[in-house]
Amino acid sequence: MKRKVIAVIGTRGFPGVQGGVESHCERLYRHMTDATVRVYRRRPYLDDRTHALTRELQQRYPHITFVDLPSTRIKGLEAVLHTLLCVLHIAFHRPSVVHVHNFGPGYVMPLLKVLGLSTLLTYHSTNYEHDKWGVVGKRILRWCEAVAMCFSDRIIFVNRFVMERQPQWVRRKAKYIPNGIDPVTLSPHTHLLAERGIVPGSYVLAVGRLSPEKGLDYLVQACDTLPQVSQLVIAGASDHGAGYETLMRRHDTLGKTIFTGFASGEFLRQLFSHARLYVLPSLSEGFPIALLEAMAYGLPIVASDIPATRLVALPEQCYAQPADAQSLAGAITAALADNTTPTYDLAPYNWPAIASQTQCLMP
């Protein structure tokens, strides 16, 4: 029987590349060992560290291969140009199925159908809700969404609420499959924290890209007003300039906030293992993997009350109003005063099961 080849487009690449879609792909495809997975990556996001991590990953998962193509980091053009190059390569190296991540790159779905290829779309988040896109950008993204959903053979939604508000013709070929979480073990080490002046057991942690839709500026403002918060650690980097980080630094009037940049591997493990509280202040999300990671590490959690965080059904006191520093401060105060150990049901978020469900939608 001929081995299935899955072409993956719509991600910047992995391993060691920041982003929710990137984390999703890295974890998902590890479990598709009965297929060859061909991942199209964007060269501007790759460096010596990424290539070293790639060699390590391919030793463990030889079924994952990479095609690195040129791209740009110009917002609005990055995905457009790279996706076109991917389609050109796919036309000459025909896979069994093309798995497209999010609807921005989905504008090429008609081209893939002309090529006679089977397609699967994973709808991660409603990108046009993000303030970083202007009026024209949002209209283009909505057009891409319509094209992607019309021409895709099957659709996966990682957010059940987003799927349920789609028209019936979309839901007929759609399935809700959430993100997952790998088993974790606490790190006993703290040396990587010490190098950055982070005090174990004393800090509030947030993990995510430095972008306005993540709501991190409201978190900085909230922690700035709370004497019981001595350190706020934000693990993430900006994709397009330092303007948002500059804004957050202005809100950090007492110097409590430590910006670590993009964190992964053992450093991220130490951050989760020794945090006092995890906060997700986002204004918009698909299904945040970092939230599942915090749950896996058994951390107390405060999260914005948005549809994505309601998917995991946290206790009601864990939620704060989005874009509201005062509401965040109140929820953080309550969480820090609660000495009970939280417990979470992570059974539905099993990557091997998720990978199996995903492959069942592929021809």
Protein backbone atom coordinates (compact mmCIF):
# COMPACT_ATOMS: atom_id res chain seq x y z
CA MET A 1 0.00 0.00 0.00
CA LYS A 2 1.36 3.39 -1.03
CA ARG A 3 2.45 5.57 1.89
CA LYS A 4 0.30 8.68 2.36
CA VAL A 5 2.05 12.04 1.91
CA ILE A 6 0.59 15.00 3.84
CA ALA A 7 1.67 18.47 2.68
CA VAL A 8 1.37 21.09 5.42
CA ILE A 9 1.04 24.81 4.61
CA GLY A 10 -0.03 27.83 6.63
CA THR A 11 2.55 27.48 9.41
CA ARG A 12 5.78 29.44 9.71
CA GLY A 13 7.46 26.18 10.64
CA PHE A 14 8.73 24.25 13.61
CA PRO A 15 10.53 23.38 15.85
CA GLY A 16 11.58 26.45 17.79
CA VAL A 17 9.30 28.93 16.02
CA GLN A 18 6.90 31.03 18.11
CA GLY A 19 3.16 30.73 17.54
CA GLY A 20 0.05 28.76 18.45
CA VAL A 21 -0.31 27.23 14.99
CA GLU A 22 3.37 26.28 15.08
CA SER A 23 2.98 24.59 18.49
CA HIS A 24 -0.11 22.78 17.23
CA CYS A 25 1.65 21.44 14.14
CA GLU A 26 4.79 20.34 15.96
CA ARG A 27 2.78 18.25 18.42
CA LEU A 28 0.15 16.95 15.99
CA TYR A 29 2.37 15.53 13.26
CA ARG A 30 4.66 13.67 15.64
CA HIS A 31 1.86 11.14 16.00
CA MET A 32 1.23 10.56 12.27
CA THR A 33 4.01 7.99 11.93
CA ASP A 34 2.20 5.94 9.28
CA ALA A 35 2.43 8.84 6.80
CA THR A 36 5.13 11.10 5.38
CA VAL A 37 4.52 14.64 6.60
CA ARG A 38 6.01 17.36 4.40
CA VAL A 39 6.04 20.71 6.24
CA TYR A 40 6.55 23.93 4.26
CA ARG A 41 8.50 26.46 6.33
CA ARG A 42 9.30 30.16 5.92
CA ARG A 43 13.06 30.80 5.77
CA PRO A 44 13.08 34.18 7.60
CA TYR A 45 11.96 32.36 10.79
CA LEU A 46 14.73 29.78 10.64
CA ASP A 47 18.17 30.19 12.18
CA ASP A 48 21.06 28.02 13.40
CA ARG A 49 19.14 27.12 16.56
CA THR A 50 16.07 26.09 14.54
CA HIS A 51 18.16 23.90 12.26
CA ALA A 52 19.82 22.22 15.25
CA LEU A 53 16.41 21.51 16.75
CA THR A 54 15.25 20.22 13.37
CA ARG A 55 18.04 17.64 13.26
CA GLU A 56 17.10 16.45 16.75
CA LEU A 57 13.41 16.23 15.84
CA GLN A 58 14.03 14.28 12.63
CA GLN A 59 16.14 11.73 14.49
CA ARG A 60 13.10 10.95 16.65
CA TYR A 61 10.44 11.49 13.99
CA PRO A 62 11.96 10.60 10.58
CA HIS A 63 8.51 10.67 8.94
CA ILE A 64 8.50 14.49 9.22
CA THR A 65 10.31 16.28 6.38
CA PHE A 66 10.74 19.99 5.67
CA VAL A 67 10.71 22.19 2.58
CA ASP A 68 12.14 25.63 3.36
CA LEU A 69 11.02 28.31 0.92
CA PRO A 70 11.66 32.07 0.72
CA SER A 71 9.24 34.49 2.32
CA THR A 72 9.06 37.96 3.78
CA ARG A 73 8.24 39.16 7.29
CA ILE A 74 6.14 42.06 5.98
CA LYS A 75 2.74 41.89 7.65
CA GLY A 76 0.04 41.08 5.11
CA LEU A 77 2.43 39.76 2.46
CA GLU A 78 4.20 37.05 4.44
CA ALA A 79 1.57 34.32 4.16
CA VAL A 80 0.42 35.36 0.67
CA LEU A 81 3.83 35.03 -0.99
CA HIS A 82 4.94 31.93 0.86
CA THR A 83 1.68 30.09 0.21
CA LEU A 84 1.95 30.71 -3.54
CA LEU A 85 5.46 29.24 -3.54
CA CYS A 86 4.15 26.25 -1.61
CA VAL A 87 1.48 25.61 -4.25
CA LEU A 88 4.10 25.75 -7.03
CA HIS A 89 6.17 23.13 -5.23
CA ILE A 90 3.09 21.02 -4.49
CA ALA A 91 2.10 21.08 -8.17
CA PHE A 92 5.32 19.21 -9.05
CA HIS A 93 5.55 17.06 -5.89
CA ARG A 94 1.97 15.93 -5.56
CA PRO A 95 0.96 14.81 -2.05
CA SER A 96 -2.00 12.65 -1.05
CA VAL A 97 -3.61 15.56 0.78
CA VAL A 98 -2.87 19.21 1.55
CA HIS A 99 -3.48 20.27 5.14
CA VAL A 100 -3.94 24.05 5.31
CA HIS A 101 -3.71 25.80 8.66
CA ASN A 102 -6.02 28.78 9.14
CA PHE A 103 -7.95 30.55 6.45
CA GLY A 104 -5.45 33.29 5.50
CA PRO A 105 -3.46 30.87 3.30
CA GLY A 106 -6.76 29.23 2.32
CA TYR A 107 -7.16 31.58 -0.62
CA VAL A 108 -5.20 28.99 -2.65
CA MET A 109 -7.86 26.29 -2.12
CA PRO A 110 -9.30 26.78 -5.66
CA LEU A 111 -5.81 26.28 -7.13
CA LEU A 112 -5.40 23.07 -5.15
CA LYS A 113 -8.76 21.85 -6.43
CA VAL A 114 -7.74 22.65 -10.03
CA LEU A 115 -4.68 20.48 -9.39
CA GLY A 116 -7.05 17.69 -8.33
CA LEU A 117 -5.73 17.52 -4.77
CA SER A 118 -7.66 16.64 -1.62
CA THR A 119 -7.69 19.37 1.03
CA LEU A 120 -8.23 19.67 4.77
CA LEU A 121 -8.53 23.05 6.49
CA THR A 122 -7.88 23.59 10.18
CA TYR A 123 -9.57 26.79 11.35
CA HIS A 124 -7.52 28.06 14.29
CA SER A 125 -8.74 31.58 15.03
CA THR A 126 -10.73 34.50 13.64
CA ASN A 127 -7.72 36.59 12.67
CA TYR A 128 -9.80 39.46 11.32
CA GLU A 129 -10.90 40.24 14.89
CA HIS A 130 -7.35 41.34 15.75
CA ASP A 131 -6.76 45.09 15.93
CA LYS A 132 -3.43 44.82 14.11
CA TRP A 133 -5.35 44.49 10.83
CA GLY A 134 -6.80 47.59 9.23
CA VAL A 135 -10.12 47.79 7.40
CA VAL A 136 -8.67 46.54 4.10
CA GLY A 137 -6.74 43.72 5.80
CA LYS A 138 -9.85 42.54 7.64
CA ARG A 139 -11.90 42.51 4.43
CA ILE A 140 -9.22 40.48 2.64
CA LEU A 141 -9.11 37.99 5.53
CA ARG A 142 -12.89 37.60 5.46
CA TRP A 143 -12.69 36.92 1.73
CA CYS A 144 -9.95 34.32 2.37
CA GLU A 145 -12.16 32.72 5.00
CA ALA A 146 -15.08 32.42 2.58
CA VAL A 147 -12.91 30.95 -0.19
CA ALA A 148 -11.15 28.51 2.15
CA MET A 149 -14.38 27.17 3.65
CA CYS A 150 -16.11 26.92 0.27
CA PHE A 151 -13.36 24.96 -1.51
CA SER A 152 -11.97 22.79 1.28
CA ASP A 153 -13.08 19.15 1.34
CA ARG A 154 -13.21 18.94 5.14
CA ILE A 155 -12.76 21.48 7.96
CA ILE A 156 -11.49 21.11 11.51
CA PHE A 157 -12.41 23.77 14.07
CA VAL A 158 -10.28 23.88 17.22
CA ASN A 159 -12.94 26.12 18.79
CA ARG A 160 -16.41 24.56 19.10
CA PHE A 161 -18.13 27.93 19.52
CA VAL A 162 -16.69 29.23 16.25
CA MET A 163 -17.90 26.10 14.45
CA GLU A 164 -21.41 26.37 15.88
CA ARG A 165 -21.94 29.86 14.48
CA GLN A 166 -21.11 28.77 10.92
CA PRO A 167 -23.87 28.20 8.33
CA GLN A 168 -25.22 24.69 7.91
CA TRP A 169 -23.35 24.02 4.66
CA VAL A 170 -20.05 24.59 6.49
CA ARG A 171 -20.99 22.49 9.53
CA ARG A 172 -21.92 19.54 7.29
CA LYS A 173 -18.25 19.07 6.38
CA ALA A 174 -16.79 20.29 9.69
CA LYS A 175 -15.66 18.61 12.89
CA TYR A 176 -14.62 20.03 16.25
CA ILE A 177 -11.21 18.72 17.33
CA PRO A 178 -9.55 20.68 20.16
CA ASN A 179 -5.88 21.33 20.68
CA GLY A 180 -4.00 18.94 22.94
CA ILE A 181 -1.31 18.75 25.56
CA ASP A 182 1.64 16.41 25.98
CA PRO A 183 2.29 14.85 29.41
CA VAL A 184 4.54 17.10 31.51
CA THR A 185 6.84 16.67 34.49
CA LEU A 186 7.85 19.45 36.83
CA SER A 187 11.41 20.66 36.50
CA PRO A 188 13.39 20.63 39.76
CA HIS A 189 15.87 23.11 38.28
CA THR A 190 15.82 26.90 38.53
CA HIS A 191 19.17 27.96 37.09
CA LEU A 192 17.66 29.39 33.90
CA LEU A 193 15.29 31.48 36.01
CA ALA A 194 18.13 32.74 38.19
CA GLU A 195 20.04 33.89 35.10
CA ARG A 196 17.18 36.30 34.38
CA GLY A 197 16.53 37.41 37.95
CA ILE A 198 13.28 35.44 38.27
CA VAL A 199 12.50 34.29 41.81
CA PRO A 200 10.94 30.78 41.89
CA GLY A 201 7.48 30.60 43.46
CA SER A 202 6.98 34.35 43.50
CA TYR A 203 5.97 35.36 39.99
CA VAL A 204 2.83 35.62 37.88
CA LEU A 205 3.39 34.07 34.45
CA ALA A 206 1.97 34.84 31.01
CA VAL A 207 3.07 33.14 27.79
CA GLY A 208 2.26 34.45 24.34
CA ARG A 209 3.22 36.57 21.38
CA LEU A 210 3.62 40.28 22.16
CA SER A 211 0.64 41.45 20.16
CA PRO A 212 -2.35 43.64 21.14
CA GLU A 213 -4.94 40.83 20.89
CA LYS A 214 -3.10 39.02 23.70
CA GLY A 215 -4.19 41.74 26.17
CA LEU A 216 -0.85 41.70 27.96
CA ASP A 217 -0.86 45.48 28.48
CA TYR A 218 -3.92 45.08 30.73
CA LEU A 219 -2.07 42.42 32.71
CA VAL A 220 0.92 44.72 33.22
CA GLN A 221 -1.42 47.47 34.43
CA ALA A 222 -3.23 45.08 36.78
CA CYS A 223 -0.05 43.71 38.37
CA ASP A 224 1.35 47.22 38.74
CA THR A 225 -1.47 47.98 41.21
CA LEU A 226 -1.09 44.80 43.31
CA PRO A 227 1.46 44.83 46.16
CA GLN A 228 1.16 41.04 46.49
CA VAL A 229 2.62 40.61 43.00
CA SER A 230 6.38 41.08 43.19
CA GLN A 231 7.20 39.86 39.66
CA LEU A 232 5.31 39.45 36.40
CA VAL A 233 7.08 37.29 33.81
CA ILE A 234 5.95 37.59 30.19
CA ALA A 235 7.43 34.91 27.93
CA GLY A 236 7.03 35.83 24.30
CA ALA A 237 8.41 37.93 21.48
CA SER A 238 7.03 40.39 18.96
CA ASP A 239 6.73 39.43 15.30
CA HIS A 240 6.49 42.93 13.87
CA GLY A 241 8.41 45.62 15.76
CA ALA A 242 8.75 46.55 19.41
CA GLY A 243 5.91 49.10 19.64
CA TYR A 244 3.62 46.94 21.79
CA GLU A 245 6.42 45.99 24.17
CA THR A 246 7.28 49.68 24.50
CA LEU A 247 3.67 50.38 25.47
CA MET A 248 3.77 47.67 28.13
CA ARG A 249 7.03 48.97 29.56
CA ARG A 250 5.40 52.38 29.99
CA HIS A 251 2.63 50.74 32.05
CA ASP A 252 5.24 48.94 34.19
CA THR A 253 5.84 51.92 36.45
CA LEU A 254 7.24 49.86 39.36
CA GLY A 255 9.58 47.71 37.27
CA LYS A 256 7.88 44.42 38.16
CA THR A 257 7.72 42.98 34.65
CA ILE A 258 10.41 40.74 33.18
CA PHE A 259 10.24 40.23 29.40
CA THR A 260 12.06 37.00 28.58
CA GLY A 261 11.54 36.90 24.83
CA PHE A 262 10.42 33.68 23.14
CA ALA A 263 10.79 30.77 25.58
CA SER A 264 10.89 27.06 24.79
CA GLY A 265 12.44 23.81 25.94
CA GLU A 266 13.85 23.58 29.45
CA PHE A 267 13.51 27.32 30.10
CA LEU A 268 9.76 27.24 29.41
CA ARG A 269 9.49 24.09 31.52
CA GLN A 270 11.16 25.87 34.45
CA LEU A 271 8.87 28.89 34.00
CA PHE A 272 5.74 26.73 34.25
CA SER A 273 7.15 24.56 37.05
CA HIS A 274 7.92 27.40 39.45
CA ALA A 275 5.22 30.00 38.73
CA ARG A 276 2.80 31.15 41.41
CA LEU A 277 -0.08 31.84 39.02
CA TYR A 278 -0.72 31.69 35.29
CA VAL A 279 -2.73 34.47 33.60
CA LEU A 280 -4.13 34.49 30.07
CA PRO A 281 -5.51 38.02 29.45
CA SER A 282 -6.23 37.60 25.71
CA LEU A 283 -8.97 39.49 23.90
CA SER A 284 -9.19 36.84 21.16
CA GLU A 285 -7.94 33.26 20.86
CA GLY A 286 -8.63 30.09 18.91
CA PHE A 287 -7.79 27.45 21.50
CA PRO A 288 -4.71 28.51 23.52
CA ILE A 289 -2.22 25.67 23.95
CA ALA A 290 -0.37 27.66 26.61
CA LEU A 291 -3.51 27.54 28.77
CA LEU A 292 -3.55 23.75 28.50
CA GLU A 293 0.14 23.70 29.45
CA ALA A 294 -0.56 25.74 32.57
CA MET A 295 -3.35 23.30 33.47
CA ALA A 296 -1.02 20.34 32.91
CA TYR A 297 1.49 21.87 35.32
CA GLY A 298 -1.28 22.25 37.90
CA LEU A 299 -1.06 26.03 38.13
CA PRO A 300 -3.82 28.27 39.47
CA ILE A 301 -5.25 30.18 36.51
CA VAL A 302 -6.86 33.51 35.73
CA ALA A 303 -8.19 33.91 32.18
CA SER A 304 -10.15 36.42 30.15
CA ASP A 305 -13.79 35.50 29.82
CA ILE A 306 -13.79 34.83 26.07
CA PRO A 307 -15.24 31.85 24.16
CA ALA A 308 -11.86 30.13 23.78
CA THR A 309 -11.21 29.96 27.52
CA ARG A 310 -14.77 28.74 28.19
CA LEU A 311 -13.93 25.61 26.19
CA VAL A 312 -11.98 24.23 29.16
CA ALA A 313 -14.68 25.12 31.74
CA LEU A 314 -12.54 26.63 34.48
CA PRO A 315 -14.17 27.48 37.83
CA GLU A 316 -16.14 30.71 37.55
CA GLN A 317 -13.80 32.66 39.85
CA CYS A 318 -10.96 32.09 37.38
CA TYR A 319 -12.48 34.41 34.79
CA ALA A 320 -11.96 38.16 34.39
CA GLN A 321 -13.51 40.58 31.95
CA PRO A 322 -11.37 41.06 28.83
CA ALA A 323 -9.67 44.44 28.28
CA ASP A 324 -10.28 45.35 31.91
CA ALA A 325 -7.21 45.79 34.15
CA GLN A 326 -9.35 46.29 37.25
CA SER A 327 -11.25 43.04 36.68
CA LEU A 328 -7.95 41.22 36.11
CA ALA A 329 -6.53 42.67 39.31
CA GLY A 330 -9.54 41.44 41.28
CA ALA A 331 -9.32 37.91 39.86
CA ILE A 332 -5.56 37.76 40.46
CA THR A 333 -6.03 38.93 44.06
CA ALA A 334 -8.61 36.20 44.69
CA ALA A 335 -6.46 33.52 43.03
CA LEU A 336 -3.37 34.40 45.07
CA ALA A 337 -5.38 34.29 48.29
CA ASP A 338 -6.77 30.81 47.49
CA ASN A 339 -4.54 28.10 48.92
CA THR A 340 -6.40 25.12 47.43
CA THR A 341 -4.66 22.97 44.82
CA PRO A 342 -6.50 23.11 41.48
CA THR A 343 -7.36 19.95 39.56
CA TYR A 344 -8.18 19.81 35.85
CA ASP A 345 -9.59 17.16 33.52
CA LEU A 346 -7.18 16.96 30.58
CA ALA A 347 -8.45 13.68 29.16
CA PRO A 348 -10.10 15.28 26.08
CA TYR A 349 -6.82 16.94 25.07
CA ASN A 350 -4.78 13.89 24.11
CA TRP A 351 -2.54 14.42 21.08
CA PRO A 352 -2.47 10.79 19.85
CA ALA A 353 -6.28 10.71 19.83
CA ILE A 354 -6.40 14.13 18.16
CA ALA A 355 -3.95 13.00 15.46
CA SER A 356 -6.05 9.89 14.83
CA GLN A 357 -9.23 11.95 14.48
CA THR A 358 -7.44 14.33 12.12
CA GLN A 359 -6.16 11.54 9.88
CA CYS A 360 -9.66 10.07 9.68
CA LEU A 361 -10.70 13.24 7.82
CA MET A 362 -7.95 12.76 5.25
CA PRO A 363 -8.56 10.57 2.19
